[in-house]
Amino acid sequence: MTTAELNSIDAVATALTDRRYIPDRALATTVFLALRLGKPIFLEGEPGVGKTELAKVLAEILGTPLIRLQCYEGLDTHTALYEWNYPRQMLELRLQEARGIDKEQIGADIFSADYLLERPLLKAIQHAGAQAPVLLIDEVDRSDEEFEAFLLEVLSDFQISIPEIGTITAQQVPVVVLTSNRTRELHDALKRRCLYHWIDYPDVAKEIEIVQARLPGVENDLANQLAFFMQRVRSEDLYKRPGIAETIDWAAALLALGTDELDRDTVDATLGCILKYKGDIEKLQTTGLEKLLSEAQEARAFAESPTTR
């Protein structure tokens, strides 16, 4: 599918849904506008709510490579752009010496494209396929401010300069998705280059839909139980609240166990699927899993009551 075929918000929403990514109207609109205007998408939200997954699904829809730059503290420009293949260059120098090439000519061509190692940004800019690639710049908030400034320059021009080769300009502007878990605030200049969207935790109805889209083997009753329980868990004061990714992992685990009903023992035994910190697990166990289950069941019963429809 080409970007031209994604010619409406409904077309974008349908394409995402067909690939088991359930967007709301605002997100589908953001994606449509990003494709139409050629602007990067900047996604913020808690971990596990589907930011990275959106880029993966977009690449699948467009039938184009997903090029991922995983950001971290200390990430430098060379790691993101390119590096020279030094071992190959040294080998070539020795081979030229062995062939008896004139000393003045030895090494004259070792700083050419043949000895260049493409890193994600250069790879995205040099992509020569029929469809522009999807460039995922993941967890940009983990990078340093110096790298953020460099990234701003790249996203402005989509060109890079390599002193030994020259300036390389993108023939096709990549579909760019930046994600942030908001561990630090990013500069306004970077955000202004992008279309911004906050992905929140899903409501109950959407979480049920996501679980059943991702795991068709989950019965409706179990999906309902999971969604209401997860909503209740997220209302607790936890160090790390579980996202939809954890809900899907938990549902898959319960399927593997052949479980179709949540009870205290089952939840206790599988808490590690949704909580990743010992303190959070102990807090829920102290609060009382029976109480959480009971409250989730009450909320579910209230939501399904004819008087609330």
C-alpha atoms as a PDB file:
ATOM      1  CA  MET A   1       0.000   0.000   0.000  1.00  0.00           C
ATOM      2  CA  THR A   2       1.317   3.454  -0.902  1.00  0.00           C
ATOM      3  CA  THR A   3       0.866   6.725   0.952  1.00  0.00           C
ATOM      4  CA  ALA A   4      -1.371   7.847  -1.924  1.00  0.00           C
ATOM      5  CA  GLU A   5      -3.790   5.014  -1.103  1.00  0.00           C
ATOM      6  CA  LEU A   6      -4.032   6.233   2.488  1.00  0.00           C
ATOM      7  CA  ASN A   7      -6.030   9.167   1.188  1.00  0.00           C
ATOM      8  CA  SER A   8      -8.366   9.685   4.139  1.00  0.00           C
ATOM      9  CA  ILE A   9      -8.470   9.392   7.896  1.00  0.00           C
ATOM     10  CA  ASP A  10     -10.835   6.431   7.566  1.00  0.00           C
ATOM     11  CA  ALA A  11      -8.431   4.687   5.184  1.00  0.00           C
ATOM     12  CA  VAL A  12      -5.600   5.104   7.694  1.00  0.00           C
ATOM     13  CA  ALA A  13      -7.777   3.860  10.578  1.00  0.00           C
ATOM     14  CA  THR A  14      -8.896   0.835   8.551  1.00  0.00           C
ATOM     15  CA  ALA A  15      -5.344  -0.031   7.487  1.00  0.00           C
ATOM     16  CA  LEU A  16      -4.137   0.114  11.097  1.00  0.00           C
ATOM     17  CA  THR A  17      -7.083  -1.888  12.396  1.00  0.00           C
ATOM     18  CA  ASP A  18      -6.635  -4.551   9.702  1.00  0.00           C
ATOM     19  CA  ARG A  19      -3.156  -5.105  11.084  1.00  0.00           C
ATOM     20  CA  ARG A  20      -4.432  -5.398  14.654  1.00  0.00           C
ATOM     21  CA  TYR A  21      -3.474  -1.896  15.780  1.00  0.00           C
ATOM     22  CA  ILE A  22      -6.557  -0.168  17.198  1.00  0.00           C
ATOM     23  CA  PRO A  23      -6.246   3.632  16.849  1.00  0.00           C
ATOM     24  CA  ASP A  24      -8.562   6.324  18.085  1.00  0.00           C
ATOM     25  CA  ARG A  25      -9.732   9.034  15.699  1.00  0.00           C
ATOM     26  CA  ALA A  26      -7.146  11.561  16.852  1.00  0.00           C
ATOM     27  CA  LEU A  27      -4.220   9.187  16.249  1.00  0.00           C
ATOM     28  CA  ALA A  28      -5.530   8.176  12.815  1.00  0.00           C
ATOM     29  CA  THR A  29      -5.826  11.877  11.972  1.00  0.00           C
ATOM     30  CA  THR A  30      -2.248  12.536  13.097  1.00  0.00           C
ATOM     31  CA  VAL A  31      -0.919   9.689  10.946  1.00  0.00           C
ATOM     32  CA  PHE A  32      -2.940  10.833   7.935  1.00  0.00           C
ATOM     33  CA  LEU A  33      -1.657  14.401   8.236  1.00  0.00           C
ATOM     34  CA  ALA A  34       1.934  13.246   8.743  1.00  0.00           C
ATOM     35  CA  LEU A  35       1.778  11.214   5.537  1.00  0.00           C
ATOM     36  CA  ARG A  36       0.035  13.997   3.622  1.00  0.00           C
ATOM     37  CA  LEU A  37       2.292  16.838   4.841  1.00  0.00           C
ATOM     38  CA  GLY A  38       5.540  14.868   5.063  1.00  0.00           C
ATOM     39  CA  LYS A  39       6.055  15.790   8.711  1.00  0.00           C
ATOM     40  CA  PRO A  40       7.491  13.606  11.484  1.00  0.00           C
ATOM     41  CA  ILE A  41       5.167  12.183  14.137  1.00  0.00           C
ATOM     42  CA  PHE A  42       6.174  12.809  17.736  1.00  0.00           C
ATOM     43  CA  LEU A  43       4.542  10.299  20.095  1.00  0.00           C
ATOM     44  CA  GLU A  44       4.654  10.640  23.857  1.00  0.00           C
ATOM     45  CA  GLY A  45       3.124   8.377  26.475  1.00  0.00           C
ATOM     46  CA  GLU A  46       3.879   5.873  29.178  1.00  0.00           C
ATOM     47  CA  PRO A  47       5.913   2.775  28.240  1.00  0.00           C
ATOM     48  CA  GLY A  48       3.874  -0.030  26.718  1.00  0.00           C
ATOM     49  CA  VAL A  49       1.013   1.995  25.237  1.00  0.00           C
ATOM     50  CA  GLY A  50       1.854   1.300  21.577  1.00  0.00           C
ATOM     51  CA  LYS A  51       4.210   4.069  20.436  1.00  0.00           C
ATOM     52  CA  THR A  52       6.905   1.855  18.933  1.00  0.00           C
ATOM     53  CA  GLU A  53       4.303  -0.563  17.638  1.00  0.00           C
ATOM     54  CA  LEU A  54       2.715   2.180  15.526  1.00  0.00           C
ATOM     55  CA  ALA A  55       5.958   2.631  13.564  1.00  0.00           C
ATOM     56  CA  LYS A  56       6.235  -1.122  13.024  1.00  0.00           C
ATOM     57  CA  VAL A  57       2.673  -1.338  11.751  1.00  0.00           C
ATOM     58  CA  LEU A  58       3.138   1.687   9.473  1.00  0.00           C
ATOM     59  CA  ALA A  59       6.148   0.002   7.854  1.00  0.00           C
ATOM     60  CA  GLU A  60       4.050  -3.127   7.368  1.00  0.00           C
ATOM     61  CA  ILE A  61       1.184  -1.148   5.807  1.00  0.00           C
ATOM     62  CA  LEU A  62       3.504   0.690   3.415  1.00  0.00           C
ATOM     63  CA  GLY A  63       5.498  -2.436   2.587  1.00  0.00           C
ATOM     64  CA  THR A  64       8.743  -0.650   3.326  1.00  0.00           C
ATOM     65  CA  PRO A  65      11.692  -1.251   5.677  1.00  0.00           C
ATOM     66  CA  LEU A  66      11.534  -0.132   9.286  1.00  0.00           C
ATOM     67  CA  ILE A  67      14.837   1.543  10.176  1.00  0.00           C
ATOM     68  CA  ARG A  68      15.197   1.900  13.931  1.00  0.00           C
ATOM     69  CA  LEU A  69      17.487   4.187  15.872  1.00  0.00           C
ATOM     70  CA  GLN A  70      17.363   3.248  19.543  1.00  0.00           C
ATOM     71  CA  CYS A  71      18.392   6.253  21.605  1.00  0.00           C
ATOM     72  CA  TYR A  72      20.343   6.095  24.850  1.00  0.00           C
ATOM     73  CA  GLU A  73      22.478   8.351  27.013  1.00  0.00           C
ATOM     74  CA  GLY A  74      25.785   9.013  25.308  1.00  0.00           C
ATOM     75  CA  LEU A  75      24.559   8.271  21.782  1.00  0.00           C
ATOM     76  CA  ASP A  76      26.824  10.165  19.382  1.00  0.00           C
ATOM     77  CA  THR A  77      26.381  11.330  15.828  1.00  0.00           C
ATOM     78  CA  HIS A  78      28.679   8.730  14.287  1.00  0.00           C
ATOM     79  CA  THR A  79      26.768   5.871  15.870  1.00  0.00           C
ATOM     80  CA  ALA A  80      23.539   7.297  14.466  1.00  0.00           C
ATOM     81  CA  LEU A  81      24.899   8.380  11.052  1.00  0.00           C
ATOM     82  CA  TYR A  82      27.875   6.423   9.772  1.00  0.00           C
ATOM     83  CA  GLU A  83      31.251   4.955  10.626  1.00  0.00           C
ATOM     84  CA  TRP A  84      34.233   4.066   8.539  1.00  0.00           C
ATOM     85  CA  ASN A  85      35.056   0.377   8.207  1.00  0.00           C
ATOM     86  CA  TYR A  86      38.504   0.699   9.738  1.00  0.00           C
ATOM     87  CA  PRO A  87      39.448  -3.032   9.676  1.00  0.00           C
ATOM     88  CA  ARG A  88      38.641  -3.196   5.958  1.00  0.00           C
ATOM     89  CA  GLN A  89      40.542   0.029   5.305  1.00  0.00           C
ATOM     90  CA  MET A  90      43.637  -1.319   7.077  1.00  0.00           C
ATOM     91  CA  LEU A  91      43.418  -4.572   5.129  1.00  0.00           C
ATOM     92  CA  GLU A  92      43.153  -2.660   1.855  1.00  0.00           C
ATOM     93  CA  LEU A  93      46.249  -0.600   2.741  1.00  0.00           C
ATOM     94  CA  ARG A  94      48.265  -3.770   3.347  1.00  0.00           C
ATOM     95  CA  LEU A  95      47.012  -5.342   0.124  1.00  0.00           C
ATOM     96  CA  GLN A  96      47.963  -2.235  -1.837  1.00  0.00           C
ATOM     97  CA  GLU A  97      51.435  -2.295  -0.294  1.00  0.00           C
ATOM     98  CA  ALA A  98      51.770  -5.979  -1.188  1.00  0.00           C
ATOM     99  CA  ARG A  99      50.747  -5.255  -4.801  1.00  0.00           C
ATOM    100  CA  GLY A 100      53.538  -2.714  -5.067  1.00  0.00           C
ATOM    101  CA  ILE A 101      51.334   0.319  -5.633  1.00  0.00           C
ATOM    102  CA  ASP A 102      53.129   3.642  -5.601  1.00  0.00           C
ATOM    103  CA  LYS A 103      53.376   4.990  -2.054  1.00  0.00           C
ATOM    104  CA  GLU A 104      51.722   8.249  -3.000  1.00  0.00           C
ATOM    105  CA  GLN A 105      48.692   6.350  -4.310  1.00  0.00           C
ATOM    106  CA  ILE A 106      48.316   3.944  -1.371  1.00  0.00           C
ATOM    107  CA  GLY A 107      45.107   4.660   0.510  1.00  0.00           C
ATOM    108  CA  ALA A 108      43.828   7.179  -2.017  1.00  0.00           C
ATOM    109  CA  ASP A 109      40.439   5.492  -2.265  1.00  0.00           C
ATOM    110  CA  ILE A 110      39.833   4.101   1.205  1.00  0.00           C
ATOM    111  CA  PHE A 111      37.579   6.997   2.201  1.00  0.00           C
ATOM    112  CA  SER A 112      34.927   6.203  -0.392  1.00  0.00           C
ATOM    113  CA  ALA A 113      31.388   4.828  -0.189  1.00  0.00           C
ATOM    114  CA  ASP A 114      32.723   1.255  -0.434  1.00  0.00           C
ATOM    115  CA  TYR A 115      34.255   1.595   3.022  1.00  0.00           C
ATOM    116  CA  LEU A 116      31.330   3.360   4.664  1.00  0.00           C
ATOM    117  CA  LEU A 117      29.204   1.607   7.301  1.00  0.00           C
ATOM    118  CA  GLU A 118      25.656   2.927   7.205  1.00  0.00           C
ATOM    119  CA  ARG A 119      24.008   3.603  10.543  1.00  0.00           C
ATOM    120  CA  PRO A 120      20.250   4.235  10.864  1.00  0.00           C
ATOM    121  CA  LEU A 121      20.073   7.909   9.835  1.00  0.00           C
ATOM    122  CA  LEU A 122      22.305   7.526   6.773  1.00  0.00           C
ATOM    123  CA  LYS A 123      20.546   4.296   5.859  1.00  0.00           C
ATOM    124  CA  ALA A 124      17.181   6.074   5.906  1.00  0.00           C
ATOM    125  CA  ILE A 125      18.479   9.013   3.854  1.00  0.00           C
ATOM    126  CA  GLN A 126      20.158   6.777   1.258  1.00  0.00           C
ATOM    127  CA  HIS A 127      17.234   4.364   0.913  1.00  0.00           C
ATOM    128  CA  ALA A 128      16.571   3.817  -2.791  1.00  0.00           C
ATOM    129  CA  GLY A 129      13.420   1.690  -2.735  1.00  0.00           C
ATOM    130  CA  ALA A 130      10.138   2.481  -4.446  1.00  0.00           C
ATOM    131  CA  GLN A 131       8.605   3.551  -1.144  1.00  0.00           C
ATOM    132  CA  ALA A 132      10.216   5.769   1.474  1.00  0.00           C
ATOM    133  CA  PRO A 133      11.263   3.868   4.610  1.00  0.00           C
ATOM    134  CA  VAL A 134       9.806   4.328   8.073  1.00  0.00           C
ATOM    135  CA  LEU A 135      12.464   5.795  10.361  1.00  0.00           C
ATOM    136  CA  LEU A 136      11.772   5.086  14.019  1.00  0.00           C
ATOM    137  CA  ILE A 137      13.760   7.248  16.450  1.00  0.00           C
ATOM    138  CA  ASP A 138      12.868   5.414  19.623  1.00  0.00           C
ATOM    139  CA  GLU A 139      12.997   6.899  23.132  1.00  0.00           C
ATOM    140  CA  VAL A 140      14.561  10.150  21.961  1.00  0.00           C
ATOM    141  CA  ASP A 141      14.212  11.504  25.498  1.00  0.00           C
ATOM    142  CA  ARG A 142      17.022   9.170  26.593  1.00  0.00           C
ATOM    143  CA  SER A 143      19.553  10.875  24.329  1.00  0.00           C
ATOM    144  CA  ASP A 144      21.630  13.908  25.311  1.00  0.00           C
ATOM    145  CA  GLU A 145      20.687  17.477  24.463  1.00  0.00           C
ATOM    146  CA  GLU A 146      23.636  17.708  22.044  1.00  0.00           C
ATOM    147  CA  PHE A 147      22.295  14.789  20.047  1.00  0.00           C
ATOM    148  CA  GLU A 148      18.812  16.277  20.136  1.00  0.00           C
ATOM    149  CA  ALA A 149      20.187  19.459  18.526  1.00  0.00           C
ATOM    150  CA  PHE A 150      21.925  17.412  15.848  1.00  0.00           C
ATOM    151  CA  LEU A 151      18.728  15.469  15.207  1.00  0.00           C
ATOM    152  CA  LEU A 152      16.837  18.720  14.737  1.00  0.00           C
ATOM    153  CA  GLU A 153      19.230  19.667  11.927  1.00  0.00           C
ATOM    154  CA  VAL A 154      18.849  16.297  10.209  1.00  0.00           C
ATOM    155  CA  LEU A 155      15.053  16.406  10.365  1.00  0.00           C
ATOM    156  CA  SER A 156      15.028  19.923   8.968  1.00  0.00           C
ATOM    157  CA  ASP A 157      16.981  19.167   5.777  1.00  0.00           C
ATOM    158  CA  PHE A 158      17.159  15.372   5.502  1.00  0.00           C
ATOM    159  CA  GLN A 159      20.690  15.671   4.301  1.00  0.00           C
ATOM    160  CA  ILE A 160      24.075  14.972   5.827  1.00  0.00           C
ATOM    161  CA  SER A 161      27.601  15.992   4.941  1.00  0.00           C
ATOM    162  CA  ILE A 162      30.458  13.512   4.957  1.00  0.00           C
ATOM    163  CA  PRO A 163      33.721  15.475   4.577  1.00  0.00           C
ATOM    164  CA  GLU A 164      35.434  12.783   2.487  1.00  0.00           C
ATOM    165  CA  ILE A 165      32.456  12.234   0.168  1.00  0.00           C
ATOM    166  CA  GLY A 166      30.241  15.318   0.174  1.00  0.00           C
ATOM    167  CA  THR A 167      26.601  16.089   0.934  1.00  0.00           C
ATOM    168  CA  ILE A 168      24.029  13.315   0.670  1.00  0.00           C
ATOM    169  CA  THR A 169      20.406  14.387   0.310  1.00  0.00           C
ATOM    170  CA  ALA A 170      17.419  12.094   0.694  1.00  0.00           C
ATOM    171  CA  GLN A 171      15.715  11.274  -2.594  1.00  0.00           C
ATOM    172  CA  GLN A 172      12.588  10.408  -0.615  1.00  0.00           C
ATOM    173  CA  VAL A 173      11.756  11.916   2.752  1.00  0.00           C
ATOM    174  CA  PRO A 174      11.361   9.038   5.242  1.00  0.00           C
ATOM    175  CA  VAL A 175       8.206   8.571   7.270  1.00  0.00           C
ATOM    176  CA  VAL A 176       9.612   9.568  10.655  1.00  0.00           C
ATOM    177  CA  VAL A 177       8.214   8.471  14.016  1.00  0.00           C
ATOM    178  CA  LEU A 178       9.836   9.770  17.205  1.00  0.00           C
ATOM    179  CA  THR A 179       8.832   8.310  20.554  1.00  0.00           C
ATOM    180  CA  SER A 180       9.369   9.556  24.092  1.00  0.00           C
ATOM    181  CA  ASN A 181       8.548   8.167  27.518  1.00  0.00           C
ATOM    182  CA  ARG A 182       8.965  11.699  28.855  1.00  0.00           C
ATOM    183  CA  THR A 183      11.899  10.942  31.137  1.00  0.00           C
ATOM    184  CA  ARG A 184      12.946  14.523  30.350  1.00  0.00           C
ATOM    185  CA  GLU A 185      11.422  17.444  28.493  1.00  0.00           C
ATOM    186  CA  LEU A 186      12.551  17.910  24.901  1.00  0.00           C
ATOM    187  CA  HIS A 187      13.243  21.276  23.327  1.00  0.00           C
ATOM    188  CA  ASP A 188      10.328  23.063  21.687  1.00  0.00           C
ATOM    189  CA  ALA A 189      12.340  23.418  18.466  1.00  0.00           C
ATOM    190  CA  LEU A 190      12.273  19.664  17.920  1.00  0.00           C
ATOM    191  CA  LYS A 191       8.585  19.370  18.748  1.00  0.00           C
ATOM    192  CA  ARG A 192       7.738  22.197  16.341  1.00  0.00           C
ATOM    193  CA  ARG A 193       9.094  20.120  13.461  1.00  0.00           C
ATOM    194  CA  CYS A 194       6.599  17.361  14.265  1.00  0.00           C
ATOM    195  CA  LEU A 195       2.931  16.548  14.607  1.00  0.00           C
ATOM    196  CA  TYR A 196       2.439  15.750  18.287  1.00  0.00           C
ATOM    197  CA  HIS A 197       0.228  13.061  19.790  1.00  0.00           C
ATOM    198  CA  TRP A 198      -0.046  11.722  23.323  1.00  0.00           C
ATOM    199  CA  ILE A 199      -0.959   8.031  23.515  1.00  0.00           C
ATOM    200  CA  ASP A 200      -2.749   7.348  26.772  1.00  0.00           C
ATOM    201  CA  TYR A 201      -3.723   4.117  28.447  1.00  0.00           C
ATOM    202  CA  PRO A 202      -6.791   2.688  26.698  1.00  0.00           C
ATOM    203  CA  ASP A 203     -10.233   2.699  28.261  1.00  0.00           C
ATOM    204  CA  VAL A 204     -11.910  -0.615  29.036  1.00  0.00           C
ATOM    205  CA  ALA A 205     -13.703  -0.992  25.717  1.00  0.00           C
ATOM    206  CA  LYS A 206     -10.594  -0.254  23.690  1.00  0.00           C
ATOM    207  CA  GLU A 207      -8.430  -2.545  25.809  1.00  0.00           C
ATOM    208  CA  ILE A 208     -10.864  -5.404  25.244  1.00  0.00           C
ATOM    209  CA  GLU A 209     -10.769  -4.718  21.506  1.00  0.00           C
ATOM    210  CA  ILE A 210      -6.973  -4.629  21.458  1.00  0.00           C
ATOM    211  CA  VAL A 211      -6.632  -7.898  23.383  1.00  0.00           C
ATOM    212  CA  GLN A 212      -9.047  -9.724  21.108  1.00  0.00           C
ATOM    213  CA  ALA A 213      -7.422  -8.270  17.991  1.00  0.00           C
ATOM    214  CA  ARG A 214      -3.963  -9.360  19.109  1.00  0.00           C
ATOM    215  CA  LEU A 215      -5.034 -12.676  20.617  1.00  0.00           C
ATOM    216  CA  PRO A 216      -8.157 -14.004  18.864  1.00  0.00           C
ATOM    217  CA  GLY A 217      -8.103 -17.082  21.119  1.00  0.00           C
ATOM    218  CA  VAL A 218      -9.042 -15.032  24.190  1.00  0.00           C
ATOM    219  CA  GLU A 219     -12.735 -15.430  24.966  1.00  0.00           C
ATOM    220  CA  ASN A 220     -14.804 -12.309  25.437  1.00  0.00           C
ATOM    221  CA  ASP A 221     -15.410 -13.004  29.132  1.00  0.00           C
ATOM    222  CA  LEU A 222     -11.704 -13.321  29.938  1.00  0.00           C
ATOM    223  CA  ALA A 223     -10.882 -10.218  27.874  1.00  0.00           C
ATOM    224  CA  ASN A 224     -13.464  -8.307  29.914  1.00  0.00           C
ATOM    225  CA  GLN A 225     -12.016  -9.557  33.192  1.00  0.00           C
ATOM    226  CA  LEU A 226      -8.495  -8.593  32.142  1.00  0.00           C
ATOM    227  CA  ALA A 227      -9.485  -5.106  30.981  1.00  0.00           C
ATOM    228  CA  PHE A 228     -11.421  -4.211  34.122  1.00  0.00           C
ATOM    229  CA  PHE A 229      -8.712  -5.616  36.380  1.00  0.00           C
ATOM    230  CA  MET A 230      -5.986  -3.699  34.544  1.00  0.00           C
ATOM    231  CA  GLN A 231      -7.971  -0.486  34.855  1.00  0.00           C
ATOM    232  CA  ARG A 232      -8.176  -1.083  38.586  1.00  0.00           C
ATOM    233  CA  VAL A 233      -4.451  -1.864  38.852  1.00  0.00           C
ATOM    234  CA  ARG A 234      -3.532   1.352  37.036  1.00  0.00           C
ATOM    235  CA  SER A 235      -5.430   3.360  39.631  1.00  0.00           C
ATOM    236  CA  GLU A 236      -2.980   2.164  42.297  1.00  0.00           C
ATOM    237  CA  ASP A 237       0.053   4.224  43.272  1.00  0.00           C
ATOM    238  CA  LEU A 238       2.677   2.108  41.512  1.00  0.00           C
ATOM    239  CA  TYR A 239       6.240   2.857  40.476  1.00  0.00           C
ATOM    240  CA  LYS A 240       5.501   1.569  36.965  1.00  0.00           C
ATOM    241  CA  ARG A 241       1.904   1.150  35.873  1.00  0.00           C
ATOM    242  CA  PRO A 242       1.409  -1.632  33.332  1.00  0.00           C
ATOM    243  CA  GLY A 243       0.642  -0.702  29.743  1.00  0.00           C
ATOM    244  CA  ILE A 244      -1.342  -2.470  27.060  1.00  0.00           C
ATOM    245  CA  ALA A 245       1.788  -4.452  26.134  1.00  0.00           C
ATOM    246  CA  GLU A 246       1.661  -6.049  29.587  1.00  0.00           C
ATOM    247  CA  THR A 247      -2.051  -6.784  29.207  1.00  0.00           C
ATOM    248  CA  ILE A 248      -1.345  -8.628  25.952  1.00  0.00           C
ATOM    249  CA  ASP A 249       1.538 -10.550  27.556  1.00  0.00           C
ATOM    250  CA  TRP A 250      -0.692 -11.495  30.470  1.00  0.00           C
ATOM    251  CA  ALA A 251      -3.505 -12.632  28.199  1.00  0.00           C
ATOM    252  CA  ALA A 252      -1.038 -14.784  26.229  1.00  0.00           C
ATOM    253  CA  ALA A 253       0.240 -16.312  29.475  1.00  0.00           C
ATOM    254  CA  LEU A 254      -3.289 -17.132  30.645  1.00  0.00           C
ATOM    255  CA  LEU A 255      -4.009 -18.745  27.282  1.00  0.00           C
ATOM    256  CA  ALA A 256      -0.876 -20.863  27.646  1.00  0.00           C
ATOM    257  CA  LEU A 257      -2.044 -21.910  31.128  1.00  0.00           C
ATOM    258  CA  GLY A 258      -5.507 -22.781  29.827  1.00  0.00           C
ATOM    259  CA  THR A 259      -7.086 -20.271  32.214  1.00  0.00           C
ATOM    260  CA  ASP A 260     -10.423 -18.675  31.401  1.00  0.00           C
ATOM    261  CA  GLU A 261     -11.242 -17.134  34.800  1.00  0.00           C
ATOM    262  CA  LEU A 262      -9.333 -14.727  37.015  1.00  0.00           C
ATOM    263  CA  ASP A 263      -9.015 -15.770  40.638  1.00  0.00           C
ATOM    264  CA  ARG A 264      -6.735 -14.823  43.473  1.00  0.00           C
ATOM    265  CA  ASP A 265      -4.267 -17.690  43.004  1.00  0.00           C
ATOM    266  CA  THR A 266      -4.007 -17.238  39.231  1.00  0.00           C
ATOM    267  CA  VAL A 267      -3.421 -13.494  39.518  1.00  0.00           C
ATOM    268  CA  ASP A 268      -0.867 -13.969  42.297  1.00  0.00           C
ATOM    269  CA  ALA A 269       1.062 -16.553  40.266  1.00  0.00           C
ATOM    270  CA  THR A 270       1.143 -14.401  37.111  1.00  0.00           C
ATOM    271  CA  LEU A 271       1.680 -10.898  38.506  1.00  0.00           C
ATOM    272  CA  GLY A 272       5.144 -10.937  36.968  1.00  0.00           C
ATOM    273  CA  CYS A 273       3.507 -10.644  33.546  1.00  0.00           C
ATOM    274  CA  ILE A 274       2.175  -7.176  34.288  1.00  0.00           C
ATOM    275  CA  LEU A 275       4.405  -5.764  37.051  1.00  0.00           C
ATOM    276  CA  LYS A 276       8.172  -5.562  36.723  1.00  0.00           C
ATOM    277  CA  TYR A 277       9.185  -4.201  40.122  1.00  0.00           C
ATOM    278  CA  LYS A 278       9.255  -6.146  43.374  1.00  0.00           C
ATOM    279  CA  GLY A 279       7.841  -3.188  45.307  1.00  0.00           C
ATOM    280  CA  ASP A 280       4.826  -2.936  42.991  1.00  0.00           C
ATOM    281  CA  ILE A 281       4.080  -6.645  43.315  1.00  0.00           C
ATOM    282  CA  GLU A 282       4.322  -6.493  47.092  1.00  0.00           C
ATOM    283  CA  LYS A 283       2.092  -3.406  47.187  1.00  0.00           C
ATOM    284  CA  LEU A 284      -0.699  -5.167  45.294  1.00  0.00           C
ATOM    285  CA  GLN A 285      -0.349  -8.268  47.427  1.00  0.00           C
ATOM    286  CA  THR A 286      -0.502  -6.131  50.552  1.00  0.00           C
ATOM    287  CA  THR A 287      -3.496  -4.190  49.282  1.00  0.00           C
ATOM    288  CA  GLY A 288      -5.242  -7.501  48.760  1.00  0.00           C
ATOM    289  CA  LEU A 289      -5.684  -9.104  45.368  1.00  0.00           C
ATOM    290  CA  GLU A 290      -9.142 -10.336  46.385  1.00  0.00           C
ATOM    291  CA  LYS A 291     -10.156  -6.727  46.982  1.00  0.00           C
ATOM    292  CA  LEU A 292      -8.807  -5.627  43.592  1.00  0.00           C
ATOM    293  CA  LEU A 293     -10.557  -8.502  41.858  1.00  0.00           C
ATOM    294  CA  SER A 294     -13.788  -7.736  43.659  1.00  0.00           C
ATOM    295  CA  GLU A 295     -13.647  -4.052  42.721  1.00  0.00           C
ATOM    296  CA  ALA A 296     -12.888  -4.928  39.099  1.00  0.00           C
ATOM    297  CA  GLN A 297     -15.853  -7.303  39.016  1.00  0.00           C
ATOM    298  CA  GLU A 298     -18.124  -4.667  40.565  1.00  0.00           C
ATOM    299  CA  ALA A 299     -17.034  -2.102  37.966  1.00  0.00           C
ATOM    300  CA  ARG A 300     -17.665  -4.628  35.230  1.00  0.00           C
ATOM    301  CA  ALA A 301     -21.104  -5.500  36.549  1.00  0.00           C
ATOM    302  CA  PHE A 302     -21.986  -1.823  36.814  1.00  0.00           C
ATOM    303  CA  ALA A 303     -20.790  -1.146  33.254  1.00  0.00           C
ATOM    304  CA  GLU A 304     -22.830  -4.068  31.907  1.00  0.00           C
ATOM    305  CA  SER A 305     -25.943  -3.190  33.862  1.00  0.00           C
ATOM    306  CA  PRO A 306     -28.889  -2.182  31.592  1.00  0.00           C
ATOM    307  CA  THR A 307     -29.468   0.937  33.680  1.00  0.00           C
ATOM    308  CA  THR A 308     -26.012   2.276  32.814  1.00  0.00           C
ATOM    309  CA  ARG A 309     -26.322   1.855  29.072  1.00  0.00           C
END
